[in-house]
N, C-alpha and C. Protein backbone atom coordinates (compact mmCIF):
# COMPACT_ATOMS: atom_id res chain seq x y z
N MET A 1 5.00 26.05 84.47
CA MET A 1 4.52 26.76 85.54
C MET A 1 5.34 27.52 85.85
N LEU A 2 4.98 28.88 86.26
CA LEU A 2 5.89 29.69 87.58
C LEU A 2 5.76 29.39 89.02
N TYR A 3 6.96 29.68 89.47
CA TYR A 3 7.04 29.46 91.46
C TYR A 3 7.74 31.17 91.54
N ALA A 4 7.25 31.55 92.85
CA ALA A 4 7.43 32.52 93.62
C ALA A 4 8.67 32.18 94.57
N VAL A 5 9.72 32.24 94.51
CA VAL A 5 10.62 31.67 95.96
C VAL A 5 11.25 32.92 96.47
N THR A 6 10.92 32.90 97.69
CA THR A 6 11.60 33.90 98.58
C THR A 6 12.69 32.97 99.61
N CYS A 7 13.47 33.81 99.65
CA CYS A 7 14.83 33.30 100.69
C CYS A 7 15.45 34.15 101.54
N THR A 8 15.43 33.54 102.90
CA THR A 8 16.03 34.52 103.81
C THR A 8 17.23 34.13 103.88
N ASP A 9 18.27 34.82 104.44
CA ASP A 9 19.53 34.63 104.42
C ASP A 9 19.92 34.21 106.09
N ARG A 10 21.03 33.51 106.23
CA ARG A 10 20.87 33.50 107.68
C ARG A 10 21.55 34.53 108.29
N ILE A 11 21.41 34.57 109.46
CA ILE A 11 22.04 36.09 110.33
C ILE A 11 23.37 35.74 110.36
N GLY A 12 23.88 36.84 109.90
CA GLY A 12 25.29 37.31 110.00
C GLY A 12 25.62 36.73 108.88
N ALA A 13 25.39 36.29 107.58
CA ALA A 13 26.08 35.83 106.55
C ALA A 13 26.06 36.30 105.46
N LEU A 14 26.08 38.05 105.68
CA LEU A 14 26.61 38.90 104.50
C LEU A 14 27.74 38.47 104.16
N GLN A 15 28.72 38.32 104.59
CA GLN A 15 29.71 38.07 103.40
C GLN A 15 29.55 36.63 102.72
N VAL A 16 29.29 35.64 103.16
CA VAL A 16 28.59 34.89 102.06
C VAL A 16 28.06 34.88 101.27
N ARG A 17 27.14 35.86 100.93
CA ARG A 17 26.33 36.48 99.88
C ARG A 17 27.20 37.44 98.92
N LEU A 18 27.74 37.95 99.55
CA LEU A 18 29.05 39.03 98.80
C LEU A 18 29.95 38.02 98.18
N ASP A 19 30.53 37.07 98.64
CA ASP A 19 31.83 36.21 98.13
C ASP A 19 30.85 35.35 96.75
N ASN A 20 29.58 34.98 96.86
CA ASN A 20 28.98 34.64 96.29
C ASN A 20 28.04 35.01 95.06
N ARG A 21 28.07 36.53 95.27
CA ARG A 21 27.29 37.32 94.25
C ARG A 21 27.40 37.31 92.89
N GLU A 22 28.70 37.11 92.24
CA GLU A 22 29.14 37.11 91.15
C GLU A 22 28.57 35.60 90.35
N ALA A 23 28.69 34.75 91.23
CA ALA A 23 28.64 33.42 90.50
C ALA A 23 26.66 33.55 90.39
N HIS A 24 26.13 33.78 91.51
CA HIS A 24 24.88 33.58 91.78
C HIS A 24 24.18 34.58 90.60
N LEU A 25 24.64 35.62 90.33
CA LEU A 25 24.14 36.69 89.03
C LEU A 25 24.58 35.86 87.77
N ASP A 26 25.31 35.04 87.70
CA ASP A 26 25.85 34.42 86.41
C ASP A 26 24.92 32.99 86.30
N TRP A 27 24.67 32.40 87.65
CA TRP A 27 23.84 31.28 87.05
C TRP A 27 22.02 32.05 86.92
N ALA A 28 21.93 32.94 87.63
CA ALA A 28 20.41 33.81 87.24
C ALA A 28 20.35 34.13 86.15
N SER A 29 21.25 34.61 85.32
CA SER A 29 21.25 35.20 84.75
C SER A 29 21.62 34.69 82.74
N ALA A 30 22.14 33.27 82.89
CA ALA A 30 22.54 32.95 81.88
C ALA A 30 21.29 32.90 81.20
N ALA A 31 21.75 32.75 79.60
CA ALA A 31 20.66 32.34 78.70
C ALA A 31 19.79 31.55 78.90
N ASP A 32 19.85 30.51 79.36
CA ASP A 32 19.34 28.78 79.53
C ASP A 32 18.59 28.62 80.69
N SER A 33 18.82 30.24 81.67
CA SER A 33 18.35 30.00 83.04
C SER A 33 16.61 29.86 83.03
N PRO A 34 15.98 29.15 84.11
CA PRO A 34 14.55 29.36 84.08
C PRO A 34 14.50 30.25 85.09
N VAL A 35 15.38 31.13 85.46
CA VAL A 35 14.78 32.48 86.29
C VAL A 35 14.34 33.71 85.50
N LYS A 36 12.99 33.93 85.63
CA LYS A 36 12.57 34.79 85.27
C LYS A 36 12.77 36.25 85.57
N MET A 37 12.68 36.35 87.09
CA MET A 37 12.80 37.35 87.40
C MET A 37 13.78 37.56 89.00
N ALA A 38 14.56 38.01 89.38
CA ALA A 38 15.13 38.16 90.66
C ALA A 38 15.57 39.52 91.44
N GLY A 39 15.72 39.59 92.57
CA GLY A 39 16.57 40.28 92.67
C GLY A 39 16.73 40.27 94.89
N PRO A 40 17.62 41.11 95.27
CA PRO A 40 17.40 40.62 96.67
C PRO A 40 16.45 41.75 97.30
N LEU A 41 16.23 41.37 98.61
CA LEU A 41 15.40 41.55 99.51
C LEU A 41 16.14 42.38 100.64
N ILE A 42 15.44 43.86 100.92
CA ILE A 42 16.53 44.67 101.41
C ILE A 42 15.82 44.95 103.22
N GLY A 43 16.79 44.87 103.73
CA GLY A 43 16.76 45.35 105.66
C GLY A 43 16.64 46.39 105.68
N PRO A 44 16.19 46.75 107.24
CA PRO A 44 16.34 48.08 107.54
C PRO A 44 17.29 49.10 107.34
N ASN A 45 18.66 48.15 107.38
CA ASN A 45 19.39 49.55 107.08
C ASN A 45 20.27 49.04 105.91
N GLY A 46 19.65 49.02 104.54
CA GLY A 46 20.29 49.08 103.57
C GLY A 46 20.62 47.47 103.03
N ASP A 47 21.23 46.71 103.69
CA ASP A 47 21.73 45.37 103.23
C ASP A 47 20.99 44.53 102.70
N PRO A 48 21.20 43.36 102.10
CA PRO A 48 20.32 42.62 101.52
C PRO A 48 19.97 41.24 102.89
N VAL A 49 19.12 41.06 102.84
CA VAL A 49 18.71 40.00 103.59
C VAL A 49 18.14 38.56 103.12
N GLY A 50 18.05 38.85 101.61
CA GLY A 50 17.52 37.58 101.30
C GLY A 50 17.30 37.85 99.56
N SER A 51 16.32 36.56 99.30
CA SER A 51 16.20 36.84 97.72
C SER A 51 14.90 36.54 96.93
N LEU A 52 14.06 37.18 96.07
CA LEU A 52 12.94 36.91 95.88
C LEU A 52 13.14 36.55 94.22
N LEU A 53 12.72 35.29 93.95
CA LEU A 53 12.79 34.79 92.59
C LEU A 53 11.66 34.43 92.08
N VAL A 54 11.53 34.66 90.57
CA VAL A 54 10.35 33.82 89.78
C VAL A 54 11.06 33.17 88.99
N VAL A 55 10.49 31.62 88.76
CA VAL A 55 11.36 30.21 88.27
C VAL A 55 10.49 29.78 87.56
N GLU A 56 10.76 29.41 86.49
CA GLU A 56 10.09 28.69 85.41
C GLU A 56 10.42 27.12 85.82
N ALA A 57 9.66 26.12 86.41
CA ALA A 57 9.74 25.33 86.46
C ALA A 57 8.58 24.07 85.99
N ASP A 58 8.91 22.80 85.43
CA ASP A 58 7.81 21.86 85.34
C ASP A 58 6.88 21.63 86.67
N ASN A 59 7.20 21.25 87.34
CA ASN A 59 6.69 21.13 88.99
C ASN A 59 7.40 21.26 90.01
N ALA A 60 7.23 21.37 90.93
CA ALA A 60 7.78 21.53 92.37
C ALA A 60 9.11 20.74 92.72
N ASP A 61 8.99 19.74 92.06
CA ASP A 61 10.40 18.98 92.42
C ASP A 61 10.94 19.27 91.34
N HIS A 62 10.90 19.61 90.22
CA HIS A 62 11.83 20.56 89.27
C HIS A 62 12.35 21.45 89.90
N LEU A 63 11.61 22.36 90.29
CA LEU A 63 11.84 23.98 91.00
C LEU A 63 13.45 23.33 91.65
N HIS A 64 13.04 22.32 92.73
CA HIS A 64 13.85 22.07 93.75
C HIS A 64 15.27 21.87 93.37
N GLU A 65 15.20 20.86 92.11
CA GLU A 65 16.54 20.70 91.41
C GLU A 65 17.01 22.01 90.97
N ILE A 66 16.13 22.98 90.33
CA ILE A 66 16.70 23.85 89.60
C ILE A 66 17.51 24.68 91.23
N MET A 67 17.03 24.83 91.99
CA MET A 67 17.45 25.66 92.87
C MET A 67 18.43 25.40 93.55
N LYS A 68 18.58 23.69 93.62
CA LYS A 68 20.09 23.38 94.20
C LYS A 68 21.09 23.61 93.53
N ASP A 69 21.04 24.31 91.99
CA ASP A 69 22.34 24.82 91.44
C ASP A 69 22.55 26.06 91.66
N ASP A 70 21.77 26.96 92.51
CA ASP A 70 22.19 28.40 92.89
C ASP A 70 23.22 28.39 93.60
N PRO A 71 24.44 29.12 93.37
CA PRO A 71 25.44 29.81 94.03
C PRO A 71 25.23 29.57 95.65
N TYR A 72 24.50 30.81 95.73
CA TYR A 72 23.63 30.58 97.15
C TYR A 72 23.42 29.47 98.04
N ALA A 73 22.72 28.71 97.58
CA ALA A 73 22.11 27.50 97.98
C ALA A 73 22.80 26.84 98.17
N LYS A 74 24.40 26.59 97.45
CA LYS A 74 25.42 26.00 97.66
C LYS A 74 26.45 26.05 98.52
N ALA A 75 26.20 27.60 98.60
CA ALA A 75 27.16 27.84 100.15
C ALA A 75 26.54 28.36 101.18
N GLU A 76 25.17 27.39 101.47
CA GLU A 76 24.60 27.64 102.23
C GLU A 76 24.11 28.96 103.27
N LEU A 77 23.82 30.00 102.00
CA LEU A 77 23.75 31.50 102.45
C LEU A 77 21.86 31.21 103.51
N PHE A 78 20.97 30.26 102.82
CA PHE A 78 19.85 30.71 103.33
C PHE A 78 19.36 30.03 104.59
N GLU A 79 18.74 30.93 105.29
CA GLU A 79 18.06 30.29 106.28
C GLU A 79 16.68 29.63 106.16
N GLU A 80 15.98 30.19 105.18
CA GLU A 80 14.50 29.21 104.69
C GLU A 80 14.26 29.92 103.08
N VAL A 81 13.89 28.71 103.06
CA VAL A 81 13.67 29.35 101.50
C VAL A 81 11.58 28.17 101.20
N TYR A 82 10.72 29.43 100.95
CA TYR A 82 9.25 29.22 100.62
C TYR A 82 9.02 29.29 99.01
N THR A 83 8.35 28.12 98.40
CA THR A 83 8.08 28.37 97.38
C THR A 83 6.36 28.45 96.95
N ILE A 84 6.05 28.75 96.10
CA ILE A 84 4.61 28.51 96.01
C ILE A 84 4.57 29.12 94.08
N PRO A 85 3.71 28.25 93.78
CA PRO A 85 3.26 28.50 92.61
C PRO A 85 2.71 30.03 92.16
N PHE A 86 2.87 30.70 91.00
CA PHE A 86 2.45 32.08 91.18
C PHE A 86 2.33 32.22 89.58
N LYS A 87 1.13 32.93 89.20
CA LYS A 87 0.56 33.54 88.09
C LYS A 87 1.05 35.31 87.84
N TRP A 88 1.49 35.62 86.99
CA TRP A 88 2.05 36.51 86.50
C TRP A 88 0.87 37.24 85.86
N THR A 89 0.41 37.97 86.43
CA THR A 89 -0.92 38.57 86.01
C THR A 89 -0.67 40.20 85.60
N VAL A 90 -0.13 41.45 86.44
CA VAL A 90 0.21 42.55 85.83
C VAL A 90 1.66 42.62 85.19
N LYS A 91 1.43 43.25 84.01
CA LYS A 91 2.73 43.69 83.31
C LYS A 91 3.48 42.22 82.99
N ALA A 92 3.04 41.02 82.66
CA ALA A 92 3.96 40.13 82.51
C ALA A 92 4.15 39.86 81.31
N PRO A 93 5.78 39.59 80.86
CA PRO A 93 6.11 39.44 79.52
C PRO A 93 5.75 38.46 78.92
N GLU A 94 5.44 39.00 77.74
CA GLU A 94 4.85 37.64 76.43
C GLU A 94 5.18 36.59 77.03
N GLY A 95 3.89 35.40 76.95
CA GLY A 95 4.15 34.20 77.06
C GLY A 95 4.11 33.58 78.58
N LEU A 96 4.42 34.71 79.55
CA LEU A 96 4.66 34.04 81.08
C LEU A 96 3.34 34.18 81.96
N SER A 97 1.97 34.42 81.42
CA SER A 97 1.21 34.74 81.97
C SER A 97 0.66 33.76 82.59
């Protein structure tokens, strides 16, 4: 099952994001990563203010276990994380719809 995950950064935590960005990208883009799509949410001044991910997981509990391994989560970057099941309908990669 796919899940959409939106994360908003804590106010004033841009440096936390920058300090952990490389590790986060390595985690999300690893060959065995369940992350299918990801990118930053951008604020009005052009700086990242959060993240949007599409993650494949067996169920909500499995998703929460996966997300605990995100270096951003370990660095306590996020103020809020919202998850919801997601059905990729438009331009879905083969096998992910």
